[in-house]
PDB file of N, CA and C in Angstrom:
ATOM      1  N   MET A   1     -12.553 122.665 -54.882  1.00  0.00           N
ATOM      2  CA  MET A   1     -11.951 121.517 -54.221  1.00  0.00           C
ATOM      3  C   MET A   1     -10.824 122.017 -53.307  1.00  0.00           C
ATOM      4  N   PRO A   2     -10.771 121.522 -52.048  1.00  0.00           N
ATOM      5  CA  PRO A   2      -9.710 121.944 -51.142  1.00  0.00           C
ATOM      6  C   PRO A   2      -8.349 121.533 -51.663  1.00  0.00           C
ATOM      7  N   GLU A   3      -7.355 122.361 -51.360  1.00  0.00           N
ATOM      8  CA  GLU A   3      -6.012 122.025 -51.807  1.00  0.00           C
ATOM      9  C   GLU A   3      -5.448 120.888 -50.968  1.00  0.00           C
ATOM     10  N   ASP A   4      -4.471 120.193 -51.519  1.00  0.00           N
ATOM     11  CA  ASP A   4      -3.823 119.096 -50.811  1.00  0.00           C
ATOM     12  C   ASP A   4      -2.970 119.672 -49.691  1.00  0.00           C
ATOM     13  N   VAL A   5      -3.309 119.314 -48.467  1.00  0.00           N
ATOM     14  CA  VAL A   5      -2.563 119.811 -47.320  1.00  0.00           C
ATOM     15  C   VAL A   5      -1.805 118.688 -46.617  1.00  0.00           C
ATOM     16  N   SER A   6      -1.534 117.623 -47.347  1.00  0.00           N
ATOM     17  CA  SER A   6      -0.871 116.475 -46.748  1.00  0.00           C
ATOM     18  C   SER A   6       0.524 116.811 -46.237  1.00  0.00           C
ATOM     19  N   ASN A   7       1.145 117.837 -46.798  1.00  0.00           N
ATOM     20  CA  ASN A   7       2.476 118.233 -46.346  1.00  0.00           C
ATOM     21  C   ASN A   7       2.425 119.403 -45.369  1.00  0.00           C
ATOM     22  N   THR A   8       1.235 119.805 -44.956  1.00  0.00           N
ATOM     23  CA  THR A   8       1.082 120.910 -44.026  1.00  0.00           C
ATOM     24  C   THR A   8       1.232 120.398 -42.607  1.00  0.00           C
ATOM     25  N   THR A   9       2.092 121.061 -41.844  1.00  0.00           N
ATOM     26  CA  THR A   9       2.309 120.648 -40.461  1.00  0.00           C
ATOM     27  C   THR A   9       1.292 121.329 -39.548  1.00  0.00           C
ATOM     28  N   PRO A  10       1.069 120.762 -38.375  1.00  0.00           N
ATOM     29  CA  PRO A  10       0.150 121.404 -37.425  1.00  0.00           C
ATOM     30  C   PRO A  10       0.560 122.840 -37.090  1.00  0.00           C
ATOM     31  N   LEU A  11       1.863 123.109 -37.052  1.00  0.00           N
ATOM     32  CA  LEU A  11       2.309 124.466 -36.753  1.00  0.00           C
ATOM     33  C   LEU A  11       1.913 125.442 -37.855  1.00  0.00           C
ATOM     34  N   GLN A  12       1.878 124.992 -39.102  1.00  0.00           N
ATOM     35  CA  GLN A  12       1.442 125.864 -40.190  1.00  0.00           C
ATOM     36  C   GLN A  12      -0.036 126.202 -40.034  1.00  0.00           C
ATOM     37  N   TYR A  13      -0.840 125.233 -39.600  1.00  0.00           N
ATOM     38  CA  TYR A  13      -2.252 125.505 -39.331  1.00  0.00           C
ATOM     39  C   TYR A  13      -2.379 126.547 -38.237  1.00  0.00           C
ATOM     40  N   LEU A  14      -1.615 126.361 -37.159  1.00  0.00           N
ATOM     41  CA  LEU A  14      -1.690 127.295 -36.049  1.00  0.00           C
ATOM     42  C   LEU A  14      -1.247 128.683 -36.480  1.00  0.00           C
ATOM     43  N   HIS A  15      -0.264 128.750 -37.350  1.00  0.00           N
ATOM     44  CA  HIS A  15       0.182 130.046 -37.868  1.00  0.00           C
ATOM     45  C   HIS A  15      -0.952 130.710 -38.649  1.00  0.00           C
ATOM     46  N   GLN A  16      -1.655 129.945 -39.447  1.00  0.00           N
ATOM     47  CA  GLN A  16      -2.741 130.503 -40.262  1.00  0.00           C
ATOM     48  C   GLN A  16      -3.865 131.042 -39.402  1.00  0.00           C
ATOM     49  N   ILE A  17      -4.294 130.303 -38.389  1.00  0.00           N
ATOM     50  CA  ILE A  17      -5.366 130.817 -37.549  1.00  0.00           C
ATOM     51  C   ILE A  17      -4.840 131.897 -36.612  1.00  0.00           C
ATOM     52  N   GLY A  18      -3.565 131.834 -36.292  1.00  0.00           N
ATOM     53  CA  GLY A  18      -2.944 132.881 -35.481  1.00  0.00           C
ATOM     54  C   GLY A  18      -2.976 134.229 -36.184  1.00  0.00           C
ATOM     55  N   LEU A  19      -2.886 134.221 -37.503  1.00  0.00           N
ATOM     56  CA  LEU A  19      -2.984 135.469 -38.259  1.00  0.00           C
ATOM     57  C   LEU A  19      -4.352 136.104 -38.082  1.00  0.00           C
ATOM     58  N   LEU A  20      -5.390 135.286 -37.982  1.00  0.00           N
ATOM     59  CA  LEU A  20      -6.727 135.821 -37.720  1.00  0.00           C
ATOM     60  C   LEU A  20      -6.771 136.507 -36.366  1.00  0.00           C
ATOM     61  N   LEU A  21      -6.159 135.906 -35.369  1.00  0.00           N
ATOM     62  CA  LEU A  21      -6.135 136.496 -34.038  1.00  0.00           C
ATOM     63  C   LEU A  21      -5.394 137.835 -34.059  1.00  0.00           C
ATOM     64  N   LYS A  22      -4.270 137.884 -34.736  1.00  0.00           N
ATOM     65  CA  LYS A  22      -3.517 139.136 -34.837  1.00  0.00           C
ATOM     66  C   LYS A  22      -4.329 140.210 -35.559  1.00  0.00           C
ATOM     67  N   ALA A  23      -5.060 139.817 -36.592  1.00  0.00           N
ATOM     68  CA  ALA A  23      -5.891 140.774 -37.324  1.00  0.00           C
ATOM     69  C   ALA A  23      -6.995 141.337 -36.425  1.00  0.00           C
ATOM     70  N   LYS A  24      -7.568 140.488 -35.589  1.00  0.00           N
ATOM     71  CA  LYS A  24      -8.596 140.967 -34.668  1.00  0.00           C
ATOM     72  C   LYS A  24      -7.988 141.908 -33.634  1.00  0.00           C
ATOM     73  N   GLN A  25      -6.841 141.539 -33.094  1.00  0.00           N
ATOM     74  CA  GLN A  25      -6.184 142.370 -32.095  1.00  0.00           C
ATOM     75  C   GLN A  25      -5.790 143.729 -32.670  1.00  0.00           C
ATOM     76  N   ALA A  26      -5.474 143.768 -33.962  1.00  0.00           N
ATOM     77  CA  ALA A  26      -5.092 145.016 -34.627  1.00  0.00           C
ATOM     78  C   ALA A  26      -6.313 145.826 -35.073  1.00  0.00           C
ATOM     79  N   GLY A  27      -7.508 145.270 -34.882  1.00  0.00           N
ATOM     80  CA  GLY A  27      -8.719 145.970 -35.275  1.00  0.00           C
ATOM     81  C   GLY A  27      -9.052 145.867 -36.752  1.00  0.00           C
ATOM     82  N   LEU A  28      -8.410 144.944 -37.446  1.00  0.00           N
ATOM     83  CA  LEU A  28      -8.653 144.779 -38.885  1.00  0.00           C
ATOM     84  C   LEU A  28      -9.914 143.973 -39.170  1.00  0.00           C
ATOM     85  N   ILE A  29     -10.280 143.101 -38.242  1.00  0.00           N
ATOM     86  CA  ILE A  29     -11.516 142.325 -38.363  1.00  0.00           C
ATOM     87  C   ILE A  29     -12.238 142.379 -37.020  1.00  0.00           C
ATOM     88  N   ASP A  30     -13.564 142.238 -37.056  1.00  0.00           N
ATOM     89  CA  ASP A  30     -14.350 142.291 -35.824  1.00  0.00           C
ATOM     90  C   ASP A  30     -14.432 140.944 -35.121  1.00  0.00           C
ATOM     91  N   ALA A  31     -14.456 139.870 -35.892  1.00  0.00           N
ATOM     92  CA  ALA A  31     -14.627 138.542 -35.309  1.00  0.00           C
ATOM     93  C   ALA A  31     -13.868 137.510 -36.117  1.00  0.00           C
ATOM     94  N   VAL A  32     -13.175 136.628 -35.415  1.00  0.00           N
ATOM     95  CA  VAL A  32     -12.461 135.550 -36.103  1.00  0.00           C
ATOM     96  C   VAL A  32     -13.400 134.410 -36.469  1.00  0.00           C
ATOM     97  N   SER A  33     -14.493 134.272 -35.724  1.00  0.00           N
ATOM     98  CA  SER A  33     -15.396 133.139 -35.958  1.00  0.00           C
ATOM     99  C   SER A  33     -15.962 133.141 -37.373  1.00  0.00           C
ATOM    100  N   THR A  34     -16.236 134.308 -37.904  1.00  0.00           N
ATOM    101  CA  THR A  34     -16.741 134.411 -39.278  1.00  0.00           C
ATOM    102  C   THR A  34     -15.751 133.791 -40.256  1.00  0.00           C
ATOM    103  N   TYR A  35     -14.488 134.064 -40.058  1.00  0.00           N
ATOM    104  CA  TYR A  35     -13.453 133.547 -40.952  1.00  0.00           C
ATOM    105  C   TYR A  35     -13.190 132.066 -40.712  1.00  0.00           C
ATOM    106  N   VAL A  36     -13.264 131.632 -39.463  1.00  0.00           N
ATOM    107  CA  VAL A  36     -13.091 130.212 -39.169  1.00  0.00           C
ATOM    108  C   VAL A  36     -14.199 129.410 -39.850  1.00  0.00           C
ATOM    109  N   ILE A  37     -15.435 129.891 -39.762  1.00  0.00           N
ATOM    110  CA  ILE A  37     -16.549 129.216 -40.426  1.00  0.00           C
ATOM    111  C   ILE A  37     -16.326 129.159 -41.933  1.00  0.00           C
ATOM    112  N   GLY A  38     -15.897 130.259 -42.512  1.00  0.00           N
ATOM    113  CA  GLY A  38     -15.619 130.292 -43.955  1.00  0.00           C
ATOM    114  C   GLY A  38     -14.518 129.329 -44.344  1.00  0.00           C
ATOM    115  N   LEU A  39     -13.461 129.274 -43.540  1.00  0.00           N
ATOM    116  CA  LEU A  39     -12.368 128.339 -43.826  1.00  0.00           C
ATOM    117  C   LEU A  39     -12.835 126.894 -43.740  1.00  0.00           C
ATOM    118  N   GLU A  40     -13.669 126.607 -42.745  1.00  0.00           N
ATOM    119  CA  GLU A  40     -14.179 125.242 -42.594  1.00  0.00           C
ATOM    120  C   GLU A  40     -15.052 124.846 -43.789  1.00  0.00           C
ATOM    121  N   LYS A  41     -15.766 125.795 -44.339  1.00  0.00           N
ATOM    122  CA  LYS A  41     -16.618 125.504 -45.499  1.00  0.00           C
ATOM    123  C   LYS A  41     -15.814 125.116 -46.730  1.00  0.00           C
ATOM    124  N   VAL A  42     -14.557 125.571 -46.793  1.00  0.00           N
ATOM    125  CA  VAL A  42     -13.724 125.226 -47.954  1.00  0.00           C
ATOM    126  C   VAL A  42     -12.703 124.131 -47.637  1.00  0.00           C
ATOM    127  N   GLY A  43     -12.902 123.435 -46.498  1.00  0.00           N
ATOM    128  CA  GLY A  43     -12.078 122.272 -46.221  1.00  0.00           C
ATOM    129  C   GLY A  43     -11.017 122.436 -45.160  1.00  0.00           C
ATOM    130  N   PHE A  44     -10.877 123.625 -44.566  1.00  0.00           N
ATOM    131  CA  PHE A  44      -9.921 123.816 -43.475  1.00  0.00           C
ATOM    132  C   PHE A  44     -10.443 123.062 -42.267  1.00  0.00           C
ATOM    133  N   ARG A  45      -9.605 122.252 -41.652  1.00  0.00           N
ATOM    134  CA  ARG A  45     -10.083 121.403 -40.566  1.00  0.00           C
ATOM    135  C   ARG A  45      -9.366 121.738 -39.268  1.00  0.00           C
ATOM    136  N   LEU A  46     -10.160 121.903 -38.227  1.00  0.00           N
ATOM    137  CA  LEU A  46      -9.644 122.094 -36.875  1.00  0.00           C
ATOM    138  C   LEU A  46     -10.320 121.075 -35.967  1.00  0.00           C
ATOM    139  N   ALA A  47      -9.562 120.551 -35.036  1.00  0.00           N
ATOM    140  CA  ALA A  47     -10.172 119.692 -34.027  1.00  0.00           C
ATOM    141  C   ALA A  47     -11.154 120.549 -33.233  1.00  0.00           C
ATOM    142  N   PRO A  48     -12.286 119.984 -32.843  1.00  0.00           N
ATOM    143  CA  PRO A  48     -13.271 120.766 -32.089  1.00  0.00           C
ATOM    144  C   PRO A  48     -12.680 121.456 -30.858  1.00  0.00           C
ATOM    145  N   SER A  49     -11.798 120.779 -30.153  1.00  0.00           N
ATOM    146  CA  SER A  49     -11.192 121.390 -28.963  1.00  0.00           C
ATOM    147  C   SER A  49     -10.272 122.550 -29.340  1.00  0.00           C
ATOM    148  N   THR A  50      -9.549 122.434 -30.450  1.00  0.00           N
ATOM    149  CA  THR A  50      -8.687 123.513 -30.913  1.00  0.00           C
ATOM    150  C   THR A  50      -9.523 124.705 -31.343  1.00  0.00           C
ATOM    151  N   ARG A  51     -10.614 124.422 -32.047  1.00  0.00           N
ATOM    152  CA  ARG A  51     -11.523 125.485 -32.489  1.00  0.00           C
ATOM    153  C   ARG A  51     -12.082 126.234 -31.291  1.00  0.00           C
ATOM    154  N   GLN A  52     -12.555 125.493 -30.292  1.00  0.00           N
ATOM    155  CA  GLN A  52     -13.123 126.106 -29.089  1.00  0.00           C
ATOM    156  C   GLN A  52     -12.067 126.928 -28.351  1.00  0.00           C
ATOM    157  N   ASP A  53     -10.887 126.379 -28.184  1.00  0.00           N
ATOM    158  CA  ASP A  53      -9.808 127.103 -27.498  1.00  0.00           C
ATOM    159  C   ASP A  53      -9.444 128.380 -28.243  1.00  0.00           C
ATOM    160  N   PHE A  54      -9.389 128.303 -29.562  1.00  0.00           N
ATOM    161  CA  PHE A  54      -9.039 129.470 -30.364  1.00  0.00           C
ATOM    162  C   PHE A  54     -10.098 130.564 -30.225  1.00  0.00           C
ATOM    163  N   LEU A  55     -11.360 130.178 -30.289  1.00  0.00           N
ATOM    164  CA  LEU A  55     -12.421 131.177 -30.148  1.00  0.00           C
ATOM    165  C   LEU A  55     -12.438 131.785 -28.750  1.00  0.00           C
ATOM    166  N   LEU A  56     -12.162 130.991 -27.728  1.00  0.00           N
ATOM    167  CA  LEU A  56     -12.075 131.533 -26.365  1.00  0.00           C
ATOM    168  C   LEU A  56     -10.903 132.495 -26.251  1.00  0.00           C
ATOM    169  N   LEU A  57      -9.772 132.126 -26.831  1.00  0.00           N
ATOM    170  CA  LEU A  57      -8.594 132.969 -26.803  1.00  0.00           C
ATOM    171  C   LEU A  57      -8.847 134.310 -27.488  1.00  0.00           C
ATOM    172  N   SER A  58      -9.664 134.281 -28.520  1.00  0.00           N
ATOM    173  CA  SER A  58      -9.957 135.516 -29.252  1.00  0.00           C
ATOM    174  C   SER A  58     -11.089 136.319 -28.613  1.00  0.00           C
ATOM    175  N   GLY A  59     -11.655 135.784 -27.524  1.00  0.00           N
ATOM    176  CA  GLY A  59     -12.717 136.498 -26.832  1.00  0.00           C
ATOM    177  C   GLY A  59     -14.102 136.292 -27.430  1.00  0.00           C
ATOM    178  N   GLU A  60     -14.273 135.218 -28.145  1.00  0.00           N
ATOM    179  CA  GLU A  60     -15.573 134.938 -28.785  1.00  0.00           C
ATOM    180  C   GLU A  60     -16.207 133.688 -28.211  1.00  0.00           C
TER     181      GLU A  60
END
């Protein structure tokens, strides 16, 4: 069951996905999309436009 994120601010979400971008830039992961898909499967929610922008920003 997904954790209660009612007290999570949009900036905290951006920080979390931003860590994926930093990991890719550092060469720690090959693709952020794999992790975004996994997060979405466990209840992490991104607006479609935010998801698309993030993947474009990461070069995917």
